[in-house]
Amino acid sequence: MSQSDTATFQTDPEGYLVDPAHWTEEIARELARREGIALTDDHWRVIRFMRDYYASHQIAADARFAIKHLAEVHGAAARKRLFELFPYGYVKQACKIAGMRRPRAWSTG
């Protein structure tokens, strides 16, 4: 990451981006690296959906919306695919990499 990106790249103690407006794809790659995830097209499909949803609704998309979005490509296997992509959970990894604050009301799954 460049010095200018790291200057604006603040996370909370759990590793979630403090300000979702500061998110970039470069930051997403770094957050994914920290989670041990090499981002694929399917990861980016979920991450971009989440960013678009956040831009429209000002909240993180619930996992069921991400599953519905993945179903366009993976059909009935979309739920399984989401958890293959983010094996430690949607909130723990997908929300974090997409630059969301940790959703308070959700479980860690």
C-alpha atoms as a PDB file:
ATOM      1  CA  MET A   1       0.000   0.000   0.000  1.00  0.00           C
ATOM      2  CA  SER A   2       1.172   3.505  -0.657  1.00  0.00           C
ATOM      3  CA  GLN A   3       1.970   5.862   2.210  1.00  0.00           C
ATOM      4  CA  SER A   4      -1.071   8.031   1.396  1.00  0.00           C
ATOM      5  CA  ASP A   5      -3.423   5.028   1.636  1.00  0.00           C
ATOM      6  CA  THR A   6      -2.014   3.860   4.950  1.00  0.00           C
ATOM      7  CA  ALA A   7      -2.453   7.361   6.383  1.00  0.00           C
ATOM      8  CA  THR A   8      -6.245   7.107   5.852  1.00  0.00           C
ATOM      9  CA  PHE A   9      -6.506   3.411   6.656  1.00  0.00           C
ATOM     10  CA  GLN A  10      -7.754   3.283  10.247  1.00  0.00           C
ATOM     11  CA  THR A  11      -9.329   0.189  11.747  1.00  0.00           C
ATOM     12  CA  ASP A  12     -11.010  -0.424  15.076  1.00  0.00           C
ATOM     13  CA  PRO A  13      -9.488  -2.925  17.544  1.00  0.00           C
ATOM     14  CA  GLU A  14     -11.242  -5.809  15.719  1.00  0.00           C
ATOM     15  CA  GLY A  15      -9.817  -4.793  12.329  1.00  0.00           C
ATOM     16  CA  TYR A  16     -12.920  -3.191  10.791  1.00  0.00           C
ATOM     17  CA  LEU A  17     -12.497   0.021   8.826  1.00  0.00           C
ATOM     18  CA  VAL A  18     -13.405   2.995  11.038  1.00  0.00           C
ATOM     19  CA  ASP A  19     -14.860   5.042   8.169  1.00  0.00           C
ATOM     20  CA  PRO A  20     -16.414   3.094   5.265  1.00  0.00           C
ATOM     21  CA  ALA A  21     -16.018   6.197   3.068  1.00  0.00           C
ATOM     22  CA  HIS A  22     -12.250   5.677   3.123  1.00  0.00           C
ATOM     23  CA  TRP A  23     -12.522   2.201   1.565  1.00  0.00           C
ATOM     24  CA  THR A  24     -10.620   1.469  -1.645  1.00  0.00           C
ATOM     25  CA  GLU A  25      -9.977  -1.739  -3.527  1.00  0.00           C
ATOM     26  CA  GLU A  26      -6.371  -1.540  -2.384  1.00  0.00           C
ATOM     27  CA  ILE A  27      -7.517  -1.424   1.234  1.00  0.00           C
ATOM     28  CA  ALA A  28      -9.829  -4.381   0.534  1.00  0.00           C
ATOM     29  CA  ARG A  29      -6.866  -6.378  -0.778  1.00  0.00           C
ATOM     30  CA  GLU A  30      -4.897  -5.568   2.387  1.00  0.00           C
ATOM     31  CA  LEU A  31      -7.810  -6.471   4.681  1.00  0.00           C
ATOM     32  CA  ALA A  32      -8.262  -9.730   2.759  1.00  0.00           C
ATOM     33  CA  ARG A  33      -4.555 -10.486   3.067  1.00  0.00           C
ATOM     34  CA  ARG A  34      -4.835 -10.031   6.830  1.00  0.00           C
ATOM     35  CA  GLU A  35      -7.701 -12.534   6.809  1.00  0.00           C
ATOM     36  CA  GLY A  36      -5.696 -15.004   4.716  1.00  0.00           C
ATOM     37  CA  ILE A  37      -7.969 -14.618   1.687  1.00  0.00           C
ATOM     38  CA  ALA A  38      -6.801 -14.290  -1.918  1.00  0.00           C
ATOM     39  CA  LEU A  39      -9.594 -12.350  -3.617  1.00  0.00           C
ATOM     40  CA  THR A  40     -11.231 -13.985  -6.648  1.00  0.00           C
ATOM     41  CA  ASP A  41     -13.926 -12.735  -9.010  1.00  0.00           C
ATOM     42  CA  ASP A  42     -16.579 -14.239  -6.704  1.00  0.00           C
ATOM     43  CA  HIS A  43     -15.136 -12.362  -3.708  1.00  0.00           C
ATOM     44  CA  TRP A  44     -15.217  -9.129  -5.689  1.00  0.00           C
ATOM     45  CA  ARG A  45     -18.802  -9.876  -6.813  1.00  0.00           C
ATOM     46  CA  VAL A  46     -19.875  -9.984  -3.141  1.00  0.00           C
ATOM     47  CA  ILE A  47     -17.692  -7.042  -2.076  1.00  0.00           C
ATOM     48  CA  ARG A  48     -18.921  -4.768  -4.875  1.00  0.00           C
ATOM     49  CA  PHE A  49     -22.527  -5.755  -4.162  1.00  0.00           C
ATOM     50  CA  MET A  50     -21.977  -4.864  -0.502  1.00  0.00           C
ATOM     51  CA  ARG A  51     -20.411  -1.506  -1.392  1.00  0.00           C
ATOM     52  CA  ASP A  52     -23.301  -0.690  -3.767  1.00  0.00           C
ATOM     53  CA  TYR A  53     -25.841  -1.704  -1.136  1.00  0.00           C
ATOM     54  CA  TYR A  54     -24.087   0.464   1.449  1.00  0.00           C
ATOM     55  CA  ALA A  55     -24.038   3.428  -0.939  1.00  0.00           C
ATOM     56  CA  SER A  56     -27.798   3.080  -1.488  1.00  0.00           C
ATOM     57  CA  HIS A  57     -28.920   2.245   2.064  1.00  0.00           C
ATOM     58  CA  GLN A  58     -26.139   3.542   4.362  1.00  0.00           C
ATOM     59  CA  ILE A  59     -26.050   0.177   6.160  1.00  0.00           C
ATOM     60  CA  ALA A  60     -24.267  -3.105   5.510  1.00  0.00           C
ATOM     61  CA  ALA A  61     -26.230  -5.668   3.532  1.00  0.00           C
ATOM     62  CA  ASP A  62     -27.508  -8.619   5.537  1.00  0.00           C
ATOM     63  CA  ALA A  63     -26.005 -11.958   4.458  1.00  0.00           C
ATOM     64  CA  ARG A  64     -29.324 -13.037   2.917  1.00  0.00           C
ATOM     65  CA  PHE A  65     -29.077 -10.179   0.386  1.00  0.00           C
ATOM     66  CA  ALA A  66     -25.524 -11.185  -0.530  1.00  0.00           C
ATOM     67  CA  ILE A  67     -26.688 -14.798  -0.933  1.00  0.00           C
ATOM     68  CA  LYS A  68     -29.526 -13.662  -3.195  1.00  0.00           C
ATOM     69  CA  HIS A  69     -26.998 -11.696  -5.256  1.00  0.00           C
ATOM     70  CA  LEU A  70     -24.672 -14.725  -5.518  1.00  0.00           C
ATOM     71  CA  ALA A  71     -27.629 -16.910  -6.523  1.00  0.00           C
ATOM     72  CA  GLU A  72     -27.671 -15.117  -9.870  1.00  0.00           C
ATOM     73  CA  VAL A  73     -24.441 -16.985 -10.650  1.00  0.00           C
ATOM     74  CA  HIS A  74     -24.457 -19.988  -8.292  1.00  0.00           C
ATOM     75  CA  GLY A  75     -28.162 -20.765  -7.982  1.00  0.00           C
ATOM     76  CA  ALA A  76     -29.101 -22.956  -5.023  1.00  0.00           C
ATOM     77  CA  ALA A  77     -25.444 -23.304  -4.004  1.00  0.00           C
ATOM     78  CA  ALA A  78     -25.124 -19.564  -3.270  1.00  0.00           C
ATOM     79  CA  ARG A  79     -25.292 -19.872   0.534  1.00  0.00           C
ATOM     80  CA  LYS A  80     -22.655 -22.586   0.556  1.00  0.00           C
ATOM     81  CA  ARG A  81     -20.515 -20.539  -1.834  1.00  0.00           C
ATOM     82  CA  LEU A  82     -20.694 -17.442   0.390  1.00  0.00           C
ATOM     83  CA  PHE A  83     -19.284 -19.413   3.295  1.00  0.00           C
ATOM     84  CA  GLU A  84     -16.616 -20.995   1.090  1.00  0.00           C
ATOM     85  CA  LEU A  85     -15.522 -17.499   0.104  1.00  0.00           C
ATOM     86  CA  PHE A  86     -15.565 -16.207   3.680  1.00  0.00           C
ATOM     87  CA  PRO A  87     -14.996 -19.302   5.840  1.00  0.00           C
ATOM     88  CA  TYR A  88     -14.895 -17.430   9.161  1.00  0.00           C
ATOM     89  CA  GLY A  89     -18.256 -15.820   8.460  1.00  0.00           C
ATOM     90  CA  TYR A  90     -19.963 -13.063   6.566  1.00  0.00           C
ATOM     91  CA  VAL A  91     -19.614 -10.474   9.341  1.00  0.00           C
ATOM     92  CA  LYS A  92     -16.093 -11.483  10.381  1.00  0.00           C
ATOM     93  CA  GLN A  93     -14.642 -11.427   6.878  1.00  0.00           C
ATOM     94  CA  ALA A  94     -16.961 -10.148   4.127  1.00  0.00           C
ATOM     95  CA  CYS A  95     -18.107  -7.068   6.044  1.00  0.00           C
ATOM     96  CA  LYS A  96     -14.563  -6.343   7.147  1.00  0.00           C
ATOM     97  CA  ILE A  97     -13.036  -6.644   3.653  1.00  0.00           C
ATOM     98  CA  ALA A  98     -15.871  -4.599   2.112  1.00  0.00           C
ATOM     99  CA  GLY A  99     -15.014  -1.787   4.525  1.00  0.00           C
ATOM    100  CA  MET A 100     -18.135  -1.975   6.656  1.00  0.00           C
ATOM    101  CA  ARG A 101     -18.188  -1.181  10.346  1.00  0.00           C
ATOM    102  CA  ARG A 102     -18.887  -4.282  12.412  1.00  0.00           C
ATOM    103  CA  PRO A 103     -22.686  -4.702  12.440  1.00  0.00           C
ATOM    104  CA  ARG A 104     -23.668  -4.574  16.119  1.00  0.00           C
ATOM    105  CA  ALA A 105     -26.928  -6.511  15.957  1.00  0.00           C
ATOM    106  CA  TRP A 106     -25.613  -9.469  13.953  1.00  0.00           C
ATOM    107  CA  SER A 107     -24.018 -12.664  15.085  1.00  0.00           C
ATOM    108  CA  THR A 108     -20.473 -13.407  13.952  1.00  0.00           C
ATOM    109  CA  GLY A 109     -21.726 -15.886  11.315  1.00  0.00           C
END
